[in-house]
Amino acid sequence: MNLPITLLVTIAGGYYAGQWIDQNYATKYANVIGLVLGFSLGLYEVMRQLKVMERNSRD
């Protein structure tokens, strides 16, 4: 249950951080860059958590 929430929070966080940068610094594509970075970081974290879960299930 924790994995989808992690992915959703990182994607949304990246998007809204990019949107904040767009509004405050008059840029155009920071929200898209934030979305991609959020997705990448979220996917990395989900993969890391899956490896830990797999390692724990072997023990």
PDB file of N, CA and C in Angstrom:
ATOM      1  N   MET A   1       0.813  -1.197   0.000  1.00  0.00           N
ATOM      2  CA  MET A   1       0.000   0.000   0.000  1.00  0.00           C
ATOM      3  C   MET A   1       0.856   1.261   0.000  1.00  0.00           C
ATOM      4  N   ASN A   2       2.026   1.163   0.566  1.00  0.00           N
ATOM      5  CA  ASN A   2       2.915   2.313   0.680  1.00  0.00           C
ATOM      6  C   ASN A   2       3.537   2.701  -0.667  1.00  0.00           C
ATOM      7  N   LEU A   3       3.726   1.744  -1.548  1.00  0.00           N
ATOM      8  CA  LEU A   3       4.407   2.014  -2.814  1.00  0.00           C
ATOM      9  C   LEU A   3       3.643   2.974  -3.724  1.00  0.00           C
ATOM     10  N   PRO A   4       2.334   2.791  -3.954  1.00  0.00           N
ATOM     11  CA  PRO A   4       1.636   3.745  -4.816  1.00  0.00           C
ATOM     12  C   PRO A   4       1.569   5.150  -4.209  1.00  0.00           C
ATOM     13  N   ILE A   5       1.462   5.216  -2.893  1.00  0.00           N
ATOM     14  CA  ILE A   5       1.420   6.522  -2.237  1.00  0.00           C
ATOM     15  C   ILE A   5       2.749   7.240  -2.419  1.00  0.00           C
ATOM     16  N   THR A   6       3.849   6.503  -2.278  1.00  0.00           N
ATOM     17  CA  THR A   6       5.173   7.087  -2.474  1.00  0.00           C
ATOM     18  C   THR A   6       5.311   7.646  -3.882  1.00  0.00           C
ATOM     19  N   LEU A   7       4.905   6.879  -4.857  1.00  0.00           N
ATOM     20  CA  LEU A   7       5.006   7.331  -6.245  1.00  0.00           C
ATOM     21  C   LEU A   7       4.114   8.543  -6.497  1.00  0.00           C
ATOM     22  N   LEU A   8       2.910   8.523  -5.983  1.00  0.00           N
ATOM     23  CA  LEU A   8       1.987   9.632  -6.173  1.00  0.00           C
ATOM     24  C   LEU A   8       2.493  10.918  -5.515  1.00  0.00           C
ATOM     25  N   VAL A   9       3.015  10.809  -4.309  1.00  0.00           N
ATOM     26  CA  VAL A   9       3.492  11.991  -3.588  1.00  0.00           C
ATOM     27  C   VAL A   9       4.709  12.600  -4.283  1.00  0.00           C
ATOM     28  N   THR A  10       5.631  11.780  -4.761  1.00  0.00           N
ATOM     29  CA  THR A  10       6.811  12.338  -5.429  1.00  0.00           C
ATOM     30  C   THR A  10       6.449  12.999  -6.758  1.00  0.00           C
ATOM     31  N   ILE A  11       5.538  12.405  -7.496  1.00  0.00           N
ATOM     32  CA  ILE A  11       5.111  13.005  -8.762  1.00  0.00           C
ATOM     33  C   ILE A  11       4.407  14.335  -8.507  1.00  0.00           C
ATOM     34  N   ALA A  12       3.459  14.331  -7.566  1.00  0.00           N
ATOM     35  CA  ALA A  12       2.725  15.560  -7.260  1.00  0.00           C
ATOM     36  C   ALA A  12       3.661  16.621  -6.682  1.00  0.00           C
ATOM     37  N   GLY A  13       4.578  16.208  -5.822  1.00  0.00           N
ATOM     38  CA  GLY A  13       5.524  17.165  -5.247  1.00  0.00           C
ATOM     39  C   GLY A  13       6.405  17.801  -6.302  1.00  0.00           C
ATOM     40  N   GLY A  14       6.891  17.008  -7.229  1.00  0.00           N
ATOM     41  CA  GLY A  14       7.709  17.551  -8.306  1.00  0.00           C
ATOM     42  C   GLY A  14       6.935  18.503  -9.199  1.00  0.00           C
ATOM     43  N   TYR A  15       5.704  18.145  -9.501  1.00  0.00           N
ATOM     44  CA  TYR A  15       4.875  19.004 -10.349  1.00  0.00           C
ATOM     45  C   TYR A  15       4.596  20.340  -9.666  1.00  0.00           C
ATOM     46  N   TYR A  16       4.174  20.286  -8.407  1.00  0.00           N
ATOM     47  CA  TYR A  16       3.830  21.526  -7.714  1.00  0.00           C
ATOM     48  C   TYR A  16       5.057  22.383  -7.410  1.00  0.00           C
ATOM     49  N   ALA A  17       6.192  21.751  -7.186  1.00  0.00           N
ATOM     50  CA  ALA A  17       7.423  22.526  -7.015  1.00  0.00           C
ATOM     51  C   ALA A  17       7.772  23.235  -8.323  1.00  0.00           C
ATOM     52  N   GLY A  18       7.621  22.531  -9.437  1.00  0.00           N
ATOM     53  CA  GLY A  18       7.858  23.159 -10.729  1.00  0.00           C
ATOM     54  C   GLY A  18       6.868  24.254 -11.036  1.00  0.00           C
ATOM     55  N   GLN A  19       5.632  24.057 -10.638  1.00  0.00           N
ATOM     56  CA  GLN A  19       4.614  25.087 -10.849  1.00  0.00           C
ATOM     57  C   GLN A  19       4.933  26.331 -10.017  1.00  0.00           C
ATOM     58  N   TRP A  20       5.409  26.126  -8.803  1.00  0.00           N
ATOM     59  CA  TRP A  20       5.796  27.253  -7.954  1.00  0.00           C
ATOM     60  C   TRP A  20       6.961  28.022  -8.591  1.00  0.00           C
ATOM     61  N   ILE A  21       7.922  27.294  -9.137  1.00  0.00           N
ATOM     62  CA  ILE A  21       9.046  27.946  -9.820  1.00  0.00           C
ATOM     63  C   ILE A  21       8.546  28.719 -11.031  1.00  0.00           C
ATOM     64  N   ASP A  22       7.629  28.130 -11.785  1.00  0.00           N
ATOM     65  CA  ASP A  22       7.053  28.831 -12.939  1.00  0.00           C
ATOM     66  C   ASP A  22       6.396  30.147 -12.541  1.00  0.00           C
ATOM     67  N   GLN A  23       5.636  30.129 -11.473  1.00  0.00           N
ATOM     68  CA  GLN A  23       4.914  31.335 -11.052  1.00  0.00           C
ATOM     69  C   GLN A  23       5.841  32.397 -10.484  1.00  0.00           C
ATOM     70  N   ASN A  24       6.854  31.998  -9.754  1.00  0.00           N
ATOM     71  CA  ASN A  24       7.702  32.968  -9.072  1.00  0.00           C
ATOM     72  C   ASN A  24       8.879  33.457  -9.908  1.00  0.00           C
ATOM     73  N   TYR A  25       9.279  32.706 -10.895  1.00  0.00           N
ATOM     74  CA  TYR A  25      10.445  33.098 -11.695  1.00  0.00           C
ATOM     75  C   TYR A  25      10.133  33.262 -13.173  1.00  0.00           C
ATOM     76  N   ALA A  26       8.874  33.307 -13.526  1.00  0.00           N
ATOM     77  CA  ALA A  26       8.410  33.550 -14.896  1.00  0.00           C
ATOM     78  C   ALA A  26       9.053  32.606 -15.907  1.00  0.00           C
ATOM     79  N   THR A  27       9.082  31.319 -15.564  1.00  0.00           N
ATOM     80  CA  THR A  27       9.553  30.306 -16.511  1.00  0.00           C
ATOM     81  C   THR A  27       8.332  29.617 -17.118  1.00  0.00           C
ATOM     82  N   LYS A  28       8.564  28.773 -18.102  1.00  0.00           N
ATOM     83  CA  LYS A  28       7.441  28.131 -18.769  1.00  0.00           C
ATOM     84  C   LYS A  28       7.366  26.626 -18.531  1.00  0.00           C
ATOM     85  N   TYR A  29       8.495  25.958 -18.403  1.00  0.00           N
ATOM     86  CA  TYR A  29       8.480  24.502 -18.415  1.00  0.00           C
ATOM     87  C   TYR A  29       9.018  23.860 -17.146  1.00  0.00           C
ATOM     88  N   ALA A  30       9.121  24.608 -16.073  1.00  0.00           N
ATOM     89  CA  ALA A  30       9.643  24.033 -14.835  1.00  0.00           C
ATOM     90  C   ALA A  30       8.679  22.990 -14.276  1.00  0.00           C
ATOM     91  N   ASN A  31       7.376  23.148 -14.486  1.00  0.00           N
ATOM     92  CA  ASN A  31       6.435  22.153 -13.974  1.00  0.00           C
ATOM     93  C   ASN A  31       6.601  20.816 -14.691  1.00  0.00           C
ATOM     94  N   VAL A  32       6.908  20.841 -15.975  1.00  0.00           N
ATOM     95  CA  VAL A  32       7.135  19.601 -16.715  1.00  0.00           C
ATOM     96  C   VAL A  32       8.433  18.949 -16.238  1.00  0.00           C
ATOM     97  N   ILE A  33       9.455  19.750 -16.042  1.00  0.00           N
ATOM     98  CA  ILE A  33      10.726  19.225 -15.542  1.00  0.00           C
ATOM     99  C   ILE A  33      10.527  18.660 -14.136  1.00  0.00           C
ATOM    100  N   GLY A  34       9.772  19.363 -13.303  1.00  0.00           N
ATOM    101  CA  GLY A  34       9.484  18.864 -11.967  1.00  0.00           C
ATOM    102  C   GLY A  34       8.690  17.570 -11.994  1.00  0.00           C
ATOM    103  N   LEU A  35       7.758  17.467 -12.926  1.00  0.00           N
ATOM    104  CA  LEU A  35       6.972  16.252 -13.078  1.00  0.00           C
ATOM    105  C   LEU A  35       7.861  15.063 -13.444  1.00  0.00           C
ATOM    106  N   VAL A  36       8.756  15.273 -14.392  1.00  0.00           N
ATOM    107  CA  VAL A  36       9.659  14.201 -14.815  1.00  0.00           C
ATOM    108  C   VAL A  36      10.620  13.823 -13.690  1.00  0.00           C
ATOM    109  N   LEU A  37      11.162  14.825 -13.000  1.00  0.00           N
ATOM    110  CA  LEU A  37      12.057  14.533 -11.876  1.00  0.00           C
ATOM    111  C   LEU A  37      11.312  13.823 -10.745  1.00  0.00           C
ATOM    112  N   GLY A  38      10.102  14.253 -10.470  1.00  0.00           N
ATOM    113  CA  GLY A  38       9.299  13.599  -9.438  1.00  0.00           C
ATOM    114  C   GLY A  38       9.004  12.152  -9.790  1.00  0.00           C
ATOM    115  N   PHE A  39       8.666  11.910 -11.037  1.00  0.00           N
ATOM    116  CA  PHE A  39       8.412  10.535 -11.480  1.00  0.00           C
ATOM    117  C   PHE A  39       9.670   9.688 -11.368  1.00  0.00           C
ATOM    118  N   SER A  40      10.795  10.244 -11.782  1.00  0.00           N
ATOM    119  CA  SER A  40      12.053   9.505 -11.724  1.00  0.00           C
ATOM    120  C   SER A  40      12.440   9.173 -10.291  1.00  0.00           C
ATOM    121  N   LEU A  41      12.349  10.158  -9.414  1.00  0.00           N
ATOM    122  CA  LEU A  41      12.677   9.917  -8.006  1.00  0.00           C
ATOM    123  C   LEU A  41      11.692   8.950  -7.365  1.00  0.00           C
ATOM    124  N   GLY A  42      10.438   9.057  -7.710  1.00  0.00           N
ATOM    125  CA  GLY A  42       9.442   8.133  -7.181  1.00  0.00           C
ATOM    126  C   GLY A  42       9.677   6.711  -7.643  1.00  0.00           C
ATOM    127  N   LEU A  43      10.000   6.548  -8.903  1.00  0.00           N
ATOM    128  CA  LEU A  43      10.283   5.218  -9.429  1.00  0.00           C
ATOM    129  C   LEU A  43      11.530   4.631  -8.779  1.00  0.00           C
ATOM    130  N   TYR A  44      12.538   5.455  -8.585  1.00  0.00           N
ATOM    131  CA  TYR A  44      13.757   5.002  -7.913  1.00  0.00           C
ATOM    132  C   TYR A  44      13.434   4.528  -6.492  1.00  0.00           C
ATOM    133  N   GLU A  45      12.638   5.300  -5.768  1.00  0.00           N
ATOM    134  CA  GLU A  45      12.292   4.946  -4.393  1.00  0.00           C
ATOM    135  C   GLU A  45      11.451   3.671  -4.336  1.00  0.00           C
ATOM    136  N   VAL A  46      10.524   3.511  -5.262  1.00  0.00           N
ATOM    137  CA  VAL A  46       9.711   2.297  -5.302  1.00  0.00           C
ATOM    138  C   VAL A  46      10.585   1.085  -5.578  1.00  0.00           C
ATOM    139  N   MET A  47      11.506   1.199  -6.504  1.00  0.00           N
ATOM    140  CA  MET A  47      12.416   0.084  -6.800  1.00  0.00           C
ATOM    141  C   MET A  47      13.283  -0.248  -5.587  1.00  0.00           C
ATOM    142  N   ARG A  48      13.741   0.771  -4.887  1.00  0.00           N
ATOM    143  CA  ARG A  48      14.558   0.552  -3.701  1.00  0.00           C
ATOM    144  C   ARG A  48      13.750  -0.171  -2.620  1.00  0.00           C
ATOM    145  N   GLN A  49      12.515   0.253  -2.418  1.00  0.00           N
ATOM    146  CA  GLN A  49      11.666  -0.386  -1.425  1.00  0.00           C
ATOM    147  C   GLN A  49      11.336  -1.824  -1.808  1.00  0.00           C
ATOM    148  N   LEU A  50      11.141  -2.090  -3.095  1.00  0.00           N
ATOM    149  CA  LEU A  50      10.877  -3.455  -3.538  1.00  0.00           C
ATOM    150  C   LEU A  50      12.070  -4.364  -3.285  1.00  0.00           C
ATOM    151  N   LYS A  51      13.275  -3.852  -3.488  1.00  0.00           N
ATOM    152  CA  LYS A  51      14.470  -4.649  -3.209  1.00  0.00           C
ATOM    153  C   LYS A  51      14.578  -4.980  -1.725  1.00  0.00           C
ATOM    154  N   VAL A  52      14.274  -4.015  -0.879  1.00  0.00           N
ATOM    155  CA  VAL A  52      14.310  -4.245   0.565  1.00  0.00           C
ATOM    156  C   VAL A  52      13.257  -5.275   0.958  1.00  0.00           C
ATOM    157  N   MET A  53      12.058  -5.163   0.413  1.00  0.00           N
ATOM    158  CA  MET A  53      10.996  -6.115   0.714  1.00  0.00           C
ATOM    159  C   MET A  53      11.365  -7.516   0.251  1.00  0.00           C
ATOM    160  N   GLU A  54      11.985  -7.611  -0.924  1.00  0.00           N
ATOM    161  CA  GLU A  54      12.405  -8.906  -1.436  1.00  0.00           C
ATOM    162  C   GLU A  54      13.481  -9.520  -0.545  1.00  0.00           C
ATOM    163  N   ARG A  55      14.420  -8.700  -0.109  1.00  0.00           N
ATOM    164  CA  ARG A  55      15.490  -9.163   0.760  1.00  0.00           C
ATOM    165  C   ARG A  55      14.923  -9.646   2.094  1.00  0.00           C
ATOM    166  N   ASN A  56      13.950  -8.927   2.624  1.00  0.00           N
ATOM    167  CA  ASN A  56      13.332  -9.305   3.896  1.00  0.00           C
ATOM    168  C   ASN A  56      12.504 -10.568   3.783  1.00  0.00           C
ATOM    169  N   SER A  57      11.898 -10.821   2.629  1.00  0.00           N
ATOM    170  CA  SER A  57      11.084 -12.012   2.461  1.00  0.00           C
ATOM    171  C   SER A  57      11.933 -13.270   2.353  1.00  0.00           C
ATOM    172  N   ARG A  58      13.176 -13.135   1.953  1.00  0.00           N
ATOM    173  CA  ARG A  58      14.082 -14.286   1.877  1.00  0.00           C
ATOM    174  C   ARG A  58      14.526 -14.749   3.258  1.00  0.00           C
ATOM    175  N   ASP A  59      14.594 -13.815   4.205  1.00  0.00           N
ATOM    176  CA  ASP A  59      15.092 -14.143   5.544  1.00  0.00           C
ATOM    177  C   ASP A  59      14.109 -14.924   6.343  1.00  0.00           C
TER     178      ASP A  59
END
